[in-house]
Amino acid sequence: MAPYAVISDVHSNLHALLAVIEDIEVRGVSDIYFCGDIVGYGPRPNECIDIIKRRCKVLIAGNHDWAAVGYTETEYFNENAMAAIEWTRQTLSDEHMDDIKEFKLFKSDPEINAFFVHATPKDPDQWDYLFSLSNAAVNFKSFKQKLCFVGHSHTPVIIEMDSAGNMSTAWDRTEMQEASRYIVNVGSVGQPRDGDPRASYALVSGAEILLVRVPYDVDKTQQEMAEAKLPVRLIERLSYGH
C-alpha cells in the first residue's frame, strides 16, 4: 500500500499549508486526506481552498467551515474566533463558499481501511473534543475501520486500542499491530496548540504512523493577519503554538 498523509485544521494559514505540502512531496507521498477546518482564524482562505481542492482525496468539513457558510451555530465561539469567522465570510469568494458546502461531514476509504472526521466519529456534527481515553473508548465503538483520523483539538496524538480493549497513547510515532485499532489526531497545520508552533500532520507508511512537524514562516502569516486586522490574540498565539 502506498504511503499517505493526513492533514487538518489549516485555518487559512497559507504559508503553513505550503510548507506541509512541500514536506509531503519531498517524502515522495502523493495521496493526501483532509480532516476539516480549512478556514477560520487565518488570512488566506481562498488560496488554501484552491490547494486543498487540488491536492486532497477526501475533503471533510470542520466546525469553522460550517460556521463560515451558516451550517452550524456559532454561539459557542469565543470573541476572537467569531471575529475571524465574520471576516472570513466577507473574504470568501462565492465559488469557495459553494466548495465548502460540498465538503463531507465524514467519509471512509476502504482501500486503506480508514475513517475520516473532523471532531469525533460519535455525533460528528456536535463538534465534541476527544481529550481522554474514556472518551476515546466510547468513540472506538462508532467506527469499524482500523484507523480513524481526526483533528479539531489541534493536539496531535495516536491512541491505540488492542483486541482486549486496553488503550495506550503515543505522541510521535507508533507501529500498527494487526489486532489493534487506532484513533489518530493529526494536529493542526495552521494553528498548533500543543506548545510547538510548527505545523503538524500525520504520515502513514506501511505499519508506521508518524506525527510530523514542519517549520514555516510564522512571521509572514502574522504580518498578513495584521494587515487583515484580524484579532491580535490570534496573531500572537502562532508564535507559541497554543
C-alpha atoms as a PDB file:
ATOM      1  CA  MET A   1       0.000   0.000   0.000  1.00  0.00           C
ATOM      2  CA  ALA A   2       1.333   3.407  -0.953  1.00  0.00           C
ATOM      3  CA  PRO A   3       2.131   5.819   1.886  1.00  0.00           C
ATOM      4  CA  TYR A   4      -0.305   8.670   2.500  1.00  0.00           C
ATOM      5  CA  ALA A   5      -0.600  11.848   4.554  1.00  0.00           C
ATOM      6  CA  VAL A   6      -3.489  13.252   6.591  1.00  0.00           C
ATOM      7  CA  ILE A   7      -3.787  16.966   7.343  1.00  0.00           C
ATOM      8  CA  SER A   8      -6.311  19.027   9.294  1.00  0.00           C
ATOM      9  CA  ASP A   9      -7.068  22.472  10.715  1.00  0.00           C
ATOM     10  CA  VAL A  10      -5.338  24.586   8.080  1.00  0.00           C
ATOM     11  CA  HIS A  11      -7.295  27.641   9.243  1.00  0.00           C
ATOM     12  CA  SER A  12      -6.448  29.818   6.248  1.00  0.00           C
ATOM     13  CA  ASN A  13      -2.713  29.711   7.033  1.00  0.00           C
ATOM     14  CA  LEU A  14      -1.308  29.555   3.508  1.00  0.00           C
ATOM     15  CA  HIS A  15       2.375  29.534   4.458  1.00  0.00           C
ATOM     16  CA  ALA A  16       1.942  26.643   6.877  1.00  0.00           C
ATOM     17  CA  LEU A  17      -0.051  24.712   4.263  1.00  0.00           C
ATOM     18  CA  LEU A  18       2.560  25.261   1.554  1.00  0.00           C
ATOM     19  CA  ALA A  19       5.331  24.104   3.899  1.00  0.00           C
ATOM     20  CA  VAL A  20       3.411  20.934   4.777  1.00  0.00           C
ATOM     21  CA  ILE A  21       2.586  20.158   1.146  1.00  0.00           C
ATOM     22  CA  GLU A  22       6.263  20.603   0.238  1.00  0.00           C
ATOM     23  CA  ASP A  23       7.347  18.276   3.057  1.00  0.00           C
ATOM     24  CA  ILE A  24       4.856  15.646   1.942  1.00  0.00           C
ATOM     25  CA  GLU A  25       6.024  15.863  -1.667  1.00  0.00           C
ATOM     26  CA  VAL A  26       9.708  15.716  -0.718  1.00  0.00           C
ATOM     27  CA  ARG A  27       8.925  12.418   1.024  1.00  0.00           C
ATOM     28  CA  GLY A  28       7.518  11.096  -2.247  1.00  0.00           C
ATOM     29  CA  VAL A  29       3.932  10.898  -0.965  1.00  0.00           C
ATOM     30  CA  SER A  30       1.132  11.758  -3.387  1.00  0.00           C
ATOM     31  CA  ASP A  31      -2.104  10.865  -1.530  1.00  0.00           C
ATOM     32  CA  ILE A  32      -3.334  13.453   0.982  1.00  0.00           C
ATOM     33  CA  TYR A  33      -6.545  13.357   3.045  1.00  0.00           C
ATOM     34  CA  PHE A  34      -8.046  16.441   4.727  1.00  0.00           C
ATOM     35  CA  CYS A  35      -9.947  16.349   8.047  1.00  0.00           C
ATOM     36  CA  GLY A  36     -11.579  19.748   8.160  1.00  0.00           C
ATOM     37  CA  ASP A  37     -11.339  23.408   9.173  1.00  0.00           C
ATOM     38  CA  ILE A  38      -9.789  24.842   6.080  1.00  0.00           C
ATOM     39  CA  VAL A  39     -10.914  28.358   7.122  1.00  0.00           C
ATOM     40  CA  GLY A  40     -11.173  30.430  10.281  1.00  0.00           C
ATOM     41  CA  TYR A  41      -8.513  32.348  12.240  1.00  0.00           C
ATOM     42  CA  GLY A  42      -6.094  32.956   9.337  1.00  0.00           C
ATOM     43  CA  PRO A  43      -5.728  35.431   6.447  1.00  0.00           C
ATOM     44  CA  ARG A  44      -5.702  33.399   3.208  1.00  0.00           C
ATOM     45  CA  PRO A  45      -8.895  31.287   2.963  1.00  0.00           C
ATOM     46  CA  ASN A  46      -9.417  31.372  -0.803  1.00  0.00           C
ATOM     47  CA  GLU A  47      -5.890  30.291  -1.660  1.00  0.00           C
ATOM     48  CA  CYS A  48      -6.000  27.462   0.892  1.00  0.00           C
ATOM     49  CA  ILE A  49      -9.253  26.127  -0.535  1.00  0.00           C
ATOM     50  CA  ASP A  50      -7.753  26.093  -4.027  1.00  0.00           C
ATOM     51  CA  ILE A  51      -4.817  23.988  -2.815  1.00  0.00           C
ATOM     52  CA  ILE A  52      -6.901  21.583  -0.737  1.00  0.00           C
ATOM     53  CA  LYS A  53      -9.313  21.029  -3.631  1.00  0.00           C
ATOM     54  CA  ARG A  54      -6.434  20.273  -5.968  1.00  0.00           C
ATOM     55  CA  ARG A  55      -4.321  18.075  -3.695  1.00  0.00           C
ATOM     56  CA  CYS A  56      -6.609  16.132  -1.347  1.00  0.00           C
ATOM     57  CA  LYS A  57      -8.502  12.889  -1.998  1.00  0.00           C
ATOM     58  CA  VAL A  58     -11.016  13.448   0.814  1.00  0.00           C
ATOM     59  CA  LEU A  59     -12.436  16.818   1.902  1.00  0.00           C
ATOM     60  CA  ILE A  60     -14.029  16.874   5.372  1.00  0.00           C
ATOM     61  CA  ALA A  61     -15.910  19.838   6.854  1.00  0.00           C
ATOM     62  CA  GLY A  62     -14.934  21.269  10.226  1.00  0.00           C
ATOM     63  CA  ASN A  63     -16.909  23.471  12.597  1.00  0.00           C
ATOM     64  CA  HIS A  64     -15.269  26.666  11.295  1.00  0.00           C
ATOM     65  CA  ASP A  65     -16.047  25.644   7.727  1.00  0.00           C
ATOM     66  CA  TRP A  66     -19.697  25.059   8.575  1.00  0.00           C
ATOM     67  CA  ALA A  67     -19.815  28.299  10.567  1.00  0.00           C
ATOM     68  CA  ALA A  68     -18.489  30.238   7.588  1.00  0.00           C
ATOM     69  CA  VAL A  69     -21.316  29.006   5.356  1.00  0.00           C
ATOM     70  CA  GLY A  70     -24.047  29.187   8.025  1.00  0.00           C
ATOM     71  CA  TYR A  71     -24.472  25.443   8.523  1.00  0.00           C
ATOM     72  CA  THR A  72     -23.756  25.478  12.262  1.00  0.00           C
ATOM     73  CA  GLU A  73     -24.423  27.865  15.124  1.00  0.00           C
ATOM     74  CA  THR A  74     -21.576  29.997  16.428  1.00  0.00           C
ATOM     75  CA  GLU A  75     -22.791  30.952  19.911  1.00  0.00           C
ATOM     76  CA  TYR A  76     -20.089  28.745  21.461  1.00  0.00           C
ATOM     77  CA  PHE A  77     -17.296  30.510  19.515  1.00  0.00           C
ATOM     78  CA  ASN A  78     -15.182  32.892  21.556  1.00  0.00           C
ATOM     79  CA  GLU A  79     -14.977  36.557  20.596  1.00  0.00           C
ATOM     80  CA  ASN A  80     -11.800  36.194  18.542  1.00  0.00           C
ATOM     81  CA  ALA A  81     -12.993  33.114  16.674  1.00  0.00           C
ATOM     82  CA  MET A  82     -16.282  34.843  15.882  1.00  0.00           C
ATOM     83  CA  ALA A  83     -14.486  37.923  14.575  1.00  0.00           C
ATOM     84  CA  ALA A  84     -12.369  35.713  12.314  1.00  0.00           C
ATOM     85  CA  ILE A  85     -15.451  33.925  11.001  1.00  0.00           C
ATOM     86  CA  GLU A  86     -17.164  37.222  10.181  1.00  0.00           C
ATOM     87  CA  TRP A  87     -14.024  38.367   8.357  1.00  0.00           C
ATOM     88  CA  THR A  88     -13.865  35.016   6.523  1.00  0.00           C
ATOM     89  CA  ARG A  89     -17.477  35.287   5.368  1.00  0.00           C
ATOM     90  CA  GLN A  90     -16.717  38.668   3.836  1.00  0.00           C
ATOM     91  CA  THR A  91     -13.488  37.442   2.223  1.00  0.00           C
ATOM     92  CA  LEU A  92     -14.506  34.102   0.707  1.00  0.00           C
ATOM     93  CA  SER A  93     -15.472  34.123  -2.949  1.00  0.00           C
ATOM     94  CA  ASP A  94     -18.891  32.770  -3.926  1.00  0.00           C
ATOM     95  CA  GLU A  95     -17.149  29.841  -5.614  1.00  0.00           C
ATOM     96  CA  HIS A  96     -15.289  28.902  -2.468  1.00  0.00           C
ATOM     97  CA  MET A  97     -18.395  29.266  -0.303  1.00  0.00           C
ATOM     98  CA  ASP A  98     -20.022  26.731  -2.625  1.00  0.00           C
ATOM     99  CA  ASP A  99     -16.943  24.498  -2.383  1.00  0.00           C
ATOM    100  CA  ILE A 100     -17.161  24.350   1.402  1.00  0.00           C
ATOM    101  CA  LYS A 101     -20.852  23.440   1.226  1.00  0.00           C
ATOM    102  CA  GLU A 102     -19.831  20.293  -0.685  1.00  0.00           C
ATOM    103  CA  PHE A 103     -17.332  19.086   1.947  1.00  0.00           C
ATOM    104  CA  LYS A 104     -18.442  15.875   3.689  1.00  0.00           C
ATOM    105  CA  LEU A 105     -19.063  15.578   7.432  1.00  0.00           C
ATOM    106  CA  PHE A 106     -17.291  12.209   7.445  1.00  0.00           C
ATOM    107  CA  LYS A 107     -16.036   9.716   4.924  1.00  0.00           C
ATOM    108  CA  SER A 108     -14.283   6.362   4.775  1.00  0.00           C
ATOM    109  CA  ASP A 109     -11.743   4.878   2.386  1.00  0.00           C
ATOM    110  CA  PRO A 110     -11.967   1.081   2.219  1.00  0.00           C
ATOM    111  CA  GLU A 111      -8.691   0.836   0.320  1.00  0.00           C
ATOM    112  CA  ILE A 112      -6.739   1.980   3.361  1.00  0.00           C
ATOM    113  CA  ASN A 113      -9.336   0.843   5.938  1.00  0.00           C
ATOM    114  CA  ALA A 114      -9.688   4.358   7.359  1.00  0.00           C
ATOM    115  CA  PHE A 115     -12.443   6.681   8.583  1.00  0.00           C
ATOM    116  CA  PHE A 116     -12.098  10.480   8.390  1.00  0.00           C
ATOM    117  CA  VAL A 117     -13.988  13.022  10.507  1.00  0.00           C
ATOM    118  CA  HIS A 118     -13.170  16.430  11.938  1.00  0.00           C
ATOM    119  CA  ALA A 119     -14.168  16.133  15.599  1.00  0.00           C
ATOM    120  CA  THR A 120     -15.358  12.681  16.696  1.00  0.00           C
ATOM    121  CA  PRO A 121     -16.851   9.650  14.917  1.00  0.00           C
ATOM    122  CA  LYS A 122     -19.642   9.681  17.513  1.00  0.00           C
ATOM    123  CA  ASP A 123     -22.045  12.558  16.811  1.00  0.00           C
ATOM    124  CA  PRO A 124     -19.702  14.286  14.344  1.00  0.00           C
ATOM    125  CA  ASP A 125     -21.932  17.344  13.944  1.00  0.00           C
ATOM    126  CA  GLN A 126     -21.782  18.124  17.682  1.00  0.00           C
ATOM    127  CA  TRP A 127     -18.117  19.167  17.412  1.00  0.00           C
ATOM    128  CA  ASP A 128     -17.103  17.412  20.628  1.00  0.00           C
ATOM    129  CA  TYR A 129     -13.453  17.156  21.659  1.00  0.00           C
ATOM    130  CA  LEU A 130     -11.637  13.881  22.172  1.00  0.00           C
ATOM    131  CA  PHE A 131      -9.370  14.589  25.158  1.00  0.00           C
ATOM    132  CA  SER A 132      -9.456  11.440  27.328  1.00  0.00           C
ATOM    133  CA  LEU A 133      -9.048   7.702  26.976  1.00  0.00           C
ATOM    134  CA  SER A 134     -12.513   7.174  28.434  1.00  0.00           C
ATOM    135  CA  ASN A 135     -13.936   9.385  25.692  1.00  0.00           C
ATOM    136  CA  ALA A 136     -11.819   7.552  23.127  1.00  0.00           C
ATOM    137  CA  ALA A 137     -13.273   4.212  24.291  1.00  0.00           C
ATOM    138  CA  VAL A 138     -16.780   5.487  23.501  1.00  0.00           C
ATOM    139  CA  ASN A 139     -15.699   6.727  20.091  1.00  0.00           C
ATOM    140  CA  PHE A 140     -13.981   3.479  19.104  1.00  0.00           C
ATOM    141  CA  LYS A 141     -17.496   1.991  19.071  1.00  0.00           C
ATOM    142  CA  SER A 142     -18.617   4.493  16.413  1.00  0.00           C
ATOM    143  CA  PHE A 143     -16.411   3.333  13.541  1.00  0.00           C
ATOM    144  CA  LYS A 144     -15.450  -0.094  12.219  1.00  0.00           C
ATOM    145  CA  GLN A 145     -12.270   0.715  10.323  1.00  0.00           C
ATOM    146  CA  LYS A 146      -8.779   0.056  11.627  1.00  0.00           C
ATOM    147  CA  LEU A 147      -7.931   3.759  11.578  1.00  0.00           C
ATOM    148  CA  CYS A 148      -9.900   6.878  12.420  1.00  0.00           C
ATOM    149  CA  PHE A 149      -8.306  10.249  11.654  1.00  0.00           C
ATOM    150  CA  VAL A 150      -9.497  13.403  13.428  1.00  0.00           C
ATOM    151  CA  GLY A 151      -8.398  16.982  14.075  1.00  0.00           C
ATOM    152  CA  HIS A 152     -10.322  19.716  15.937  1.00  0.00           C
ATOM    153  CA  SER A 153      -8.311  19.861  19.194  1.00  0.00           C
ATOM    154  CA  HIS A 154      -5.130  20.940  17.361  1.00  0.00           C
ATOM    155  CA  THR A 155      -3.169  18.498  19.544  1.00  0.00           C
ATOM    156  CA  PRO A 156      -1.539  15.524  17.768  1.00  0.00           C
ATOM    157  CA  VAL A 157      -1.745  12.114  19.432  1.00  0.00           C
ATOM    158  CA  ILE A 158      -2.100   8.446  18.465  1.00  0.00           C
ATOM    159  CA  ILE A 159      -4.498   6.343  20.555  1.00  0.00           C
ATOM    160  CA  GLU A 160      -4.279   2.559  20.251  1.00  0.00           C
ATOM    161  CA  MET A 161      -6.900   0.061  21.392  1.00  0.00           C
ATOM    162  CA  ASP A 162      -5.820  -3.578  21.396  1.00  0.00           C
ATOM    163  CA  SER A 163      -8.061  -6.608  20.967  1.00  0.00           C
ATOM    164  CA  ALA A 164      -8.667  -6.776  24.727  1.00  0.00           C
ATOM    165  CA  GLY A 165      -9.805  -3.160  24.878  1.00  0.00           C
ATOM    166  CA  ASN A 166      -6.648  -1.849  26.515  1.00  0.00           C
ATOM    167  CA  MET A 167      -5.615   1.632  25.356  1.00  0.00           C
ATOM    168  CA  SER A 168      -2.319   3.455  25.101  1.00  0.00           C
ATOM    169  CA  THR A 169      -1.082   6.711  23.587  1.00  0.00           C
ATOM    170  CA  ALA A 170       1.896   7.815  21.502  1.00  0.00           C
ATOM    171  CA  TRP A 171       2.909  11.387  20.779  1.00  0.00           C
ATOM    172  CA  ASP A 172       5.284  10.971  17.849  1.00  0.00           C
ATOM    173  CA  ARG A 173       5.093   7.574  16.155  1.00  0.00           C
ATOM    174  CA  THR A 174       3.869   4.002  16.511  1.00  0.00           C
ATOM    175  CA  GLU A 175       3.978   0.685  14.690  1.00  0.00           C
ATOM    176  CA  MET A 176       0.484  -0.609  13.978  1.00  0.00           C
ATOM    177  CA  GLN A 177      -0.325  -4.035  15.393  1.00  0.00           C
ATOM    178  CA  GLU A 178      -2.507  -6.435  13.438  1.00  0.00           C
ATOM    179  CA  ALA A 179      -5.156  -6.824  16.158  1.00  0.00           C
ATOM    180  CA  SER A 180      -5.264  -3.164  17.226  1.00  0.00           C
ATOM    181  CA  ARG A 181      -7.284  -0.187  16.055  1.00  0.00           C
ATOM    182  CA  TYR A 182      -6.290   3.464  16.168  1.00  0.00           C
ATOM    183  CA  ILE A 183      -7.648   6.983  16.550  1.00  0.00           C
ATOM    184  CA  VAL A 184      -5.111   9.472  15.210  1.00  0.00           C
ATOM    185  CA  ASN A 185      -5.401  13.179  15.916  1.00  0.00           C
ATOM    186  CA  VAL A 186      -3.189  14.636  13.210  1.00  0.00           C
ATOM    187  CA  GLY A 187      -2.853  18.022  14.922  1.00  0.00           C
ATOM    188  CA  SER A 188      -3.107  21.351  13.137  1.00  0.00           C
ATOM    189  CA  VAL A 189      -1.372  22.675  10.058  1.00  0.00           C
ATOM    190  CA  GLY A 190      -2.284  26.284  10.665  1.00  0.00           C
ATOM    191  CA  GLN A 191      -2.684  26.832  14.425  1.00  0.00           C
ATOM    192  CA  PRO A 192      -0.914  24.251  16.654  1.00  0.00           C
ATOM    193  CA  ARG A 193      -1.917  24.268  20.323  1.00  0.00           C
ATOM    194  CA  ASP A 194       0.456  21.795  21.943  1.00  0.00           C
ATOM    195  CA  GLY A 195       3.238  24.260  22.689  1.00  0.00           C
ATOM    196  CA  ASP A 196       5.054  23.591  19.414  1.00  0.00           C
ATOM    197  CA  PRO A 197       4.456  26.313  16.796  1.00  0.00           C
ATOM    198  CA  ARG A 198       5.473  24.086  13.895  1.00  0.00           C
ATOM    199  CA  ALA A 199       2.758  22.762  11.582  1.00  0.00           C
ATOM    200  CA  SER A 200       1.609  19.195  12.239  1.00  0.00           C
ATOM    201  CA  TYR A 201       0.351  16.338  10.082  1.00  0.00           C
ATOM    202  CA  ALA A 202       0.261  12.517  10.059  1.00  0.00           C
ATOM    203  CA  LEU A 203       2.132  10.229   7.676  1.00  0.00           C
ATOM    204  CA  VAL A 204       1.245   6.551   7.303  1.00  0.00           C
ATOM    205  CA  SER A 205       3.819   4.340   5.626  1.00  0.00           C
ATOM    206  CA  GLY A 206       3.447   0.580   5.859  1.00  0.00           C
ATOM    207  CA  ALA A 207       2.751  -0.211   9.520  1.00  0.00           C
ATOM    208  CA  GLU A 208       4.173   3.079  10.779  1.00  0.00           C
ATOM    209  CA  ILE A 209       2.097   6.081  11.855  1.00  0.00           C
ATOM    210  CA  LEU A 210       4.306   9.149  12.168  1.00  0.00           C
ATOM    211  CA  LEU A 211       3.286  12.565  13.525  1.00  0.00           C
ATOM    212  CA  VAL A 212       5.381  15.034  11.546  1.00  0.00           C
ATOM    213  CA  ARG A 213       6.294  18.626  12.487  1.00  0.00           C
ATOM    214  CA  VAL A 214       7.188  21.184   9.840  1.00  0.00           C
ATOM    215  CA  PRO A 215       8.559  24.706  10.423  1.00  0.00           C
ATOM    216  CA  TYR A 216       7.076  27.515   8.342  1.00  0.00           C
ATOM    217  CA  ASP A 217       7.302  31.299   8.045  1.00  0.00           C
ATOM    218  CA  VAL A 218       5.212  32.277  11.068  1.00  0.00           C
ATOM    219  CA  ASP A 219       6.192  35.936  10.743  1.00  0.00           C
ATOM    220  CA  LYS A 220       4.787  36.152   7.239  1.00  0.00           C
ATOM    221  CA  THR A 221       1.432  34.723   8.301  1.00  0.00           C
ATOM    222  CA  GLN A 222       1.318  37.078  11.272  1.00  0.00           C
ATOM    223  CA  GLN A 223       2.062  40.044   9.035  1.00  0.00           C
ATOM    224  CA  GLU A 224      -0.792  39.096   6.713  1.00  0.00           C
ATOM    225  CA  MET A 225      -3.143  38.675   9.682  1.00  0.00           C
ATOM    226  CA  ALA A 226      -2.214  42.121  10.955  1.00  0.00           C
ATOM    227  CA  GLU A 227      -2.825  43.636   7.516  1.00  0.00           C
ATOM    228  CA  ALA A 228      -6.272  41.987   7.526  1.00  0.00           C
ATOM    229  CA  LYS A 229      -6.914  43.422  11.000  1.00  0.00           C
ATOM    230  CA  LEU A 230      -7.608  40.018  12.494  1.00  0.00           C
ATOM    231  CA  PRO A 231      -7.613  39.814  16.321  1.00  0.00           C
ATOM    232  CA  VAL A 232      -4.235  40.359  17.989  1.00  0.00           C
ATOM    233  CA  ARG A 233      -4.660  37.270  20.192  1.00  0.00           C
ATOM    234  CA  LEU A 234      -4.938  35.069  17.099  1.00  0.00           C
ATOM    235  CA  ILE A 235      -1.805  36.626  15.656  1.00  0.00           C
ATOM    236  CA  GLU A 236       0.297  36.267  18.800  1.00  0.00           C
ATOM    237  CA  ARG A 237      -0.612  32.660  19.569  1.00  0.00           C
ATOM    238  CA  LEU A 238       1.065  31.384  16.391  1.00  0.00           C
ATOM    239  CA  SER A 239       4.464  32.255  17.862  1.00  0.00           C
ATOM    240  CA  TYR A 240       3.959  29.954  20.834  1.00  0.00           C
ATOM    241  CA  GLY A 241       1.826  27.107  19.489  1.00  0.00           C
ATOM    242  CA  HIS A 242      -1.037  27.439  21.952  1.00  0.00           C
END
